[in-house]
Amino acid sequence: MTEEDAFKMLKFLMFDMGLRKQYRPDMTILQIQMYQLSRLLHDYHRDLYNHLEEHEIGPSLYAAPWFLTMFASQFPLGFVARVFDMLFLQGSEVIFKVALSLLGSHKPLILQHENLETIVDFIKSILPNLGLVQMEKTINQVFEMDIAKQLQAYEVEYHVLQDELIDSSLNDNQRMDKLEKANTSLRKQNFDLLEELQVANGKIQNLEATVEILLNNEYKLKQSILTLELERKALLQTVEDLRTQTGNPGGKHLLTRQECMDAN
C-alpha cells in the first residue's frame, strides 16, 4: 500500500473495528479480553485450562502481546498476514479464535511441561514457529468457530464480577453514594435520550411532510400524463378524420409537391 492508504487502513482498524480501545492507558479492554480468553479455554480445553491454573499461568503472561500486535510480535510474517486478512473479514473476534486454535493444537505438548517457566517459554518461543501445515490447520479452524455469543456473555460476566468486587469493599454510605451517582448518571442519559428523541421526531415530521409533497407531485404528474394521453388520442382522431376528408382513408402516403415534380 501507499503510505496514505496504509494510514487509512490503520484508522479503519483502530476506529471502525474498535481496536483503539485496547491501547488506552488503563488497558481495561485488554483485561476483559484476557478474561474472555480464559473462559474460552475453560469451555473448549478444560484440561489445558486446569493445567495452566494449577501453575498460576493466566493469559496475560503469554497472550497479551498476541492481542496488542495481532500476533506480529512473535509469529511468522506470512501467518500474521493471514490473521490480518481474517481480521478485516470477521472482526476482532478472530484474535480469540486464532489464540484458542493455537493453544488447542499444541495442548499435548504444553501438558508435558510441569512448571511455570517452561510452560510460558514454550508458548512464547516454540509455539510461534508454525509450519505451513499447522498454519493452514489453524486458519481452517478459525473459519469453523463461532464464539460471538460467548464473547458477549463473558464481557458482561466480567463487569458483573468487577461490580461485585467493588461493592464488597464498600460500606453502606459508600454504596449509597455510588447508587446516587448511578441514578444521576441514568437521569442524565435519560435526558440526553429524550433530546435525541425530539430531534429524531422532528426529522421524522420533516420527512413525512416531504413524502406528502412528493405524493402530491406524483398525483399531479399522473393527472398531467392522463390529460396528455387524452389529447394525443384526440389529435390522432383528428388526423384520421382529415385523411378521410381528403380522400385518403387508408392513411396512404401523400406525395409532396417536390415529389410530384420529380415524378414528372
Protein backbone atom coordinates (compact mmCIF):
# COMPACT_ATOMS: atom_id res chain seq x y z
CA MET A 1 0.00 0.00 0.00
CA THR A 2 0.94 3.64 -0.32
CA GLU A 3 1.61 5.48 2.92
CA GLU A 4 -1.77 7.24 2.71
CA ASP A 5 -3.72 4.01 2.06
CA ALA A 6 -1.87 2.24 4.89
CA PHE A 7 -2.79 5.08 7.26
CA LYS A 8 -6.46 4.84 6.21
CA MET A 9 -6.36 1.10 6.88
CA LEU A 10 -4.82 1.71 10.31
CA LYS A 11 -7.59 4.22 11.04
CA PHE A 12 -10.19 1.64 9.98
CA LEU A 13 -8.70 -0.94 12.36
CA MET A 14 -8.47 1.47 15.28
CA PHE A 15 -11.82 3.23 14.99
CA ASP A 16 -14.22 1.18 12.85
CA MET A 17 -13.16 -2.16 14.32
CA GLY A 18 -12.61 -0.75 17.80
CA LEU A 19 -9.03 -1.92 18.35
CA ARG A 20 -8.08 1.53 19.64
CA LYS A 21 -9.77 0.73 22.97
CA GLN A 22 -7.18 -1.85 23.96
CA TYR A 23 -4.35 0.71 23.77
CA ARG A 24 -5.82 3.14 26.29
CA PRO A 25 -3.75 3.84 29.44
CA ASP A 26 -5.94 1.81 31.81
CA MET A 27 -5.94 -1.18 29.39
CA THR A 28 -9.37 -2.20 30.70
CA ILE A 29 -10.34 -3.74 27.37
CA LEU A 30 -7.19 -5.89 27.36
CA GLN A 31 -8.07 -7.14 30.84
CA ILE A 32 -11.54 -8.07 29.60
CA GLN A 33 -10.01 -9.88 26.62
CA MET A 34 -7.72 -11.88 28.88
CA TYR A 35 -10.72 -12.89 30.99
CA GLN A 36 -12.68 -13.87 27.87
CA LEU A 37 -9.79 -16.00 26.59
CA SER A 38 -9.50 -17.71 29.97
CA ARG A 39 -13.22 -18.54 29.93
CA LEU A 40 -12.99 -19.85 26.36
CA LEU A 41 -10.11 -22.11 27.37
CA HIS A 42 -12.27 -23.36 30.24
CA ASP A 43 -15.06 -24.18 27.78
CA TYR A 44 -13.08 -25.71 24.92
CA HIS A 45 -9.96 -27.16 26.53
CA ARG A 46 -10.74 -27.85 30.20
CA ASP A 47 -7.67 -30.00 30.84
CA LEU A 48 -5.34 -27.33 29.45
CA TYR A 49 -7.16 -24.65 31.45
CA ASN A 50 -6.75 -26.66 34.65
CA HIS A 51 -3.07 -27.28 33.90
CA LEU A 52 -2.38 -23.56 33.42
CA GLU A 53 -4.42 -22.63 36.50
CA GLU A 54 -2.53 -25.20 38.57
CA HIS A 55 0.70 -23.39 37.73
CA GLU A 56 -0.92 -19.94 38.12
CA ILE A 57 -0.45 -19.04 34.48
CA GLY A 58 -3.05 -16.54 33.31
CA PRO A 59 -3.47 -15.46 29.65
CA SER A 60 -1.83 -12.11 30.41
CA LEU A 61 1.52 -13.91 30.85
CA TYR A 62 1.60 -15.12 27.25
CA ALA A 63 -1.36 -13.80 25.21
CA ALA A 64 -1.19 -10.04 25.84
CA PRO A 65 1.38 -9.50 23.01
CA TRP A 66 -0.84 -11.55 20.67
CA PHE A 67 -3.75 -9.18 21.18
CA LEU A 68 -1.71 -5.98 21.21
CA THR A 69 0.20 -6.78 17.99
CA MET A 70 -2.23 -9.13 16.18
CA PHE A 71 0.43 -11.88 16.63
CA ALA A 72 3.07 -9.81 14.77
CA SER A 73 5.46 -9.71 17.75
CA GLN A 74 6.26 -13.44 17.75
CA PHE A 75 4.78 -15.21 14.71
CA PRO A 76 5.98 -15.52 11.08
CA LEU A 77 5.01 -12.62 8.81
CA GLY A 78 3.12 -14.91 6.42
CA PHE A 79 0.92 -16.13 9.26
CA VAL A 80 0.38 -12.57 10.51
CA ALA A 81 -0.75 -11.54 7.02
CA ARG A 82 -3.37 -14.30 7.06
CA VAL A 83 -4.53 -13.16 10.50
CA PHE A 84 -4.98 -9.63 9.16
CA ASP A 85 -6.99 -10.97 6.21
CA MET A 86 -9.35 -12.72 8.61
CA LEU A 87 -9.40 -9.68 10.89
CA PHE A 88 -10.72 -7.49 8.07
CA LEU A 89 -13.22 -10.21 7.17
CA GLN A 90 -14.61 -11.18 10.58
CA GLY A 91 -13.54 -8.51 13.06
CA SER A 92 -11.57 -8.61 16.30
CA GLU A 93 -13.03 -11.93 17.49
CA VAL A 94 -10.59 -13.56 15.05
CA ILE A 95 -7.80 -12.92 17.56
CA PHE A 96 -9.61 -15.08 20.13
CA LYS A 97 -10.21 -17.81 17.57
CA VAL A 98 -6.57 -17.92 16.49
CA ALA A 99 -5.34 -17.94 20.11
CA LEU A 100 -7.77 -20.70 21.03
CA SER A 101 -6.84 -22.77 17.99
CA LEU A 102 -3.09 -22.42 18.60
CA LEU A 103 -3.35 -23.38 22.27
CA GLY A 104 -5.65 -26.30 21.50
CA SER A 105 -3.47 -27.72 18.73
CA HIS A 106 -0.38 -27.57 20.98
CA LYS A 107 -2.19 -28.84 24.06
CA PRO A 108 -0.41 -32.26 24.26
CA LEU A 109 3.00 -30.56 24.21
CA ILE A 110 2.01 -27.91 26.76
CA LEU A 111 0.66 -30.55 29.14
CA GLN A 112 4.07 -32.24 29.15
CA HIS A 113 5.67 -29.25 30.89
CA GLU A 114 5.34 -29.17 34.64
CA ASN A 115 6.45 -25.72 35.82
CA LEU A 116 5.63 -22.08 35.10
CA GLU A 117 8.92 -21.16 33.39
CA THR A 118 8.98 -23.99 30.86
CA ILE A 119 5.27 -23.65 30.01
CA VAL A 120 5.50 -19.91 29.39
CA ASP A 121 8.76 -20.34 27.47
CA PHE A 122 7.17 -22.98 25.25
CA ILE A 123 4.13 -20.82 24.48
CA LYS A 124 6.22 -17.72 23.82
CA SER A 125 9.20 -19.21 21.96
CA ILE A 126 8.37 -22.61 20.46
CA LEU A 127 4.65 -22.40 19.71
CA PRO A 128 5.02 -19.45 17.25
CA ASN A 129 7.33 -21.49 14.97
CA LEU A 130 4.47 -22.69 12.78
CA GLY A 131 4.93 -24.90 9.78
CA LEU A 132 2.79 -24.50 6.66
CA VAL A 133 0.54 -27.44 7.58
CA GLN A 134 -0.05 -26.13 11.11
CA MET A 135 -0.72 -22.66 9.72
CA GLU A 136 -3.39 -23.92 7.30
CA LYS A 137 -4.95 -26.07 10.03
CA THR A 138 -5.24 -23.02 12.30
CA ILE A 139 -6.80 -20.91 9.53
CA ASN A 140 -9.36 -23.60 8.74
CA GLN A 141 -10.30 -23.99 12.40
CA VAL A 142 -10.83 -20.24 12.71
CA PHE A 143 -13.40 -20.26 9.90
CA GLU A 144 -15.27 -23.13 11.57
CA MET A 145 -15.54 -21.48 15.00
CA ASP A 146 -18.40 -19.29 16.22
CA ILE A 147 -17.77 -17.65 19.59
CA ALA A 148 -19.55 -14.29 19.20
CA LYS A 149 -22.28 -15.00 21.77
CA GLN A 150 -19.79 -16.39 24.28
CA LEU A 151 -17.59 -13.31 23.99
CA GLN A 152 -20.55 -11.05 24.69
CA ALA A 153 -21.65 -13.15 27.67
CA TYR A 154 -18.14 -13.21 29.16
CA GLU A 155 -17.75 -9.45 28.80
CA VAL A 156 -20.97 -8.92 30.76
CA GLU A 157 -19.82 -11.52 33.28
CA TYR A 158 -16.53 -9.67 33.77
CA HIS A 159 -18.29 -6.38 34.50
CA VAL A 160 -20.68 -8.07 36.95
CA LEU A 161 -17.77 -9.64 38.82
CA GLN A 162 -15.93 -6.31 38.94
CA ASP A 163 -19.02 -4.54 40.32
CA GLU A 164 -19.47 -7.23 42.94
CA LEU A 165 -15.82 -6.94 43.92
CA ILE A 166 -16.12 -3.18 44.31
CA ASP A 167 -19.40 -3.46 46.24
CA SER A 168 -17.93 -5.94 48.69
CA SER A 169 -15.29 -3.41 49.72
CA LEU A 170 -17.74 -0.54 50.32
CA ASN A 171 -19.62 0.40 53.49
CA ASP A 172 -23.29 1.46 53.50
CA ASN A 173 -22.58 5.16 52.98
CA GLN A 174 -20.25 4.46 50.08
CA ARG A 175 -22.83 2.17 48.49
CA MET A 176 -25.45 4.88 48.88
CA ASP A 177 -23.16 7.45 47.26
CA LYS A 178 -22.47 5.04 44.42
CA LEU A 179 -26.19 4.44 43.86
CA GLU A 180 -26.90 8.18 43.89
CA LYS A 181 -24.16 8.78 41.33
CA ALA A 182 -25.52 5.95 39.19
CA ASN A 183 -29.01 7.43 39.50
CA THR A 184 -27.74 10.87 38.49
CA SER A 185 -25.91 9.36 35.55
CA LEU A 186 -29.03 7.49 34.44
CA ARG A 187 -31.11 10.66 34.69
CA LYS A 188 -28.61 12.49 32.50
CA GLN A 189 -28.63 9.64 29.99
CA ASN A 190 -32.43 9.71 30.03
CA PHE A 191 -32.42 13.47 29.41
CA ASP A 192 -29.93 13.07 26.55
CA LEU A 193 -32.04 10.30 25.03
CA LEU A 194 -35.15 12.48 25.27
CA GLU A 195 -33.32 15.24 23.40
CA GLU A 196 -32.22 12.78 20.74
CA LEU A 197 -35.79 11.50 20.52
CA GLN A 198 -37.12 15.02 20.00
CA VAL A 199 -34.58 15.66 17.26
CA ALA A 200 -35.47 12.32 15.66
CA ASN A 201 -39.20 13.13 15.83
CA GLY A 202 -38.53 16.50 14.20
CA LYS A 203 -36.65 14.76 11.39
CA ILE A 204 -39.49 12.25 11.01
CA GLN A 205 -42.04 15.05 10.72
CA ASN A 206 -39.93 16.80 8.09
CA LEU A 207 -39.56 13.56 6.16
CA GLU A 208 -43.31 12.89 6.37
CA ALA A 209 -44.00 16.40 5.03
CA THR A 210 -41.53 15.81 2.21
CA VAL A 211 -43.19 12.47 1.41
CA GLU A 212 -46.60 14.20 1.34
CA ILE A 213 -45.30 16.80 -1.09
CA LEU A 214 -43.76 14.11 -3.29
CA LEU A 215 -47.02 12.13 -3.29
CA ASN A 216 -48.96 15.24 -4.31
CA ASN A 217 -46.45 15.93 -7.08
CA GLU A 218 -46.74 12.32 -8.21
CA TYR A 219 -50.56 12.62 -8.34
CA LYS A 220 -50.33 15.84 -10.36
CA LEU A 221 -47.87 14.24 -12.77
CA LYS A 222 -50.17 11.26 -13.25
CA GLN A 223 -53.07 13.60 -13.96
CA SER A 224 -50.93 15.50 -16.47
CA ILE A 225 -49.93 12.25 -18.16
CA LEU A 226 -53.58 11.18 -18.35
CA THR A 227 -54.56 14.54 -19.87
CA LEU A 228 -51.74 14.32 -22.41
CA GLU A 229 -52.81 10.79 -23.34
CA LEU A 230 -56.37 12.01 -23.97
CA GLU A 231 -55.06 14.93 -26.04
CA ARG A 232 -52.90 12.54 -28.04
CA LYS A 233 -55.86 10.30 -28.77
CA ALA A 234 -57.91 13.32 -29.84
CA LEU A 235 -55.16 14.55 -32.16
CA LEU A 236 -54.76 11.10 -33.71
CA GLN A 237 -58.52 11.02 -34.32
CA THR A 238 -58.38 14.48 -35.90
CA VAL A 239 -55.56 13.37 -38.22
CA GLU A 240 -57.58 10.31 -39.21
CA ASP A 241 -60.64 12.47 -39.92
CA LEU A 242 -58.58 14.85 -42.09
CA ARG A 243 -57.21 11.94 -44.10
CA THR A 244 -60.72 10.66 -44.66
CA GLN A 245 -61.95 14.10 -45.82
CA THR A 246 -59.04 14.44 -48.31
CA GLY A 247 -59.85 11.10 -49.94
CA ASN A 248 -57.03 9.15 -48.36
CA PRO A 249 -58.95 6.91 -45.93
CA GLY A 250 -56.28 4.25 -45.75
CA GLY A 251 -53.72 6.66 -44.49
CA LYS A 252 -51.59 6.16 -47.62
CA HIS A 253 -48.56 8.34 -48.10
CA LEU A 254 -49.45 11.65 -49.79
CA LEU A 255 -46.83 12.90 -52.28
CA THR A 256 -45.35 16.24 -51.54
CA ARG A 257 -45.14 18.91 -54.21
CA GLN A 258 -41.42 18.25 -54.69
CA GLU A 259 -42.05 14.51 -55.12
CA CYS A 260 -44.71 15.23 -57.80
CA MET A 261 -42.29 17.47 -59.72
CA ASP A 262 -39.62 14.79 -59.53
CA ALA A 263 -42.07 12.19 -60.85
CA ASN A 264 -42.96 14.36 -63.86
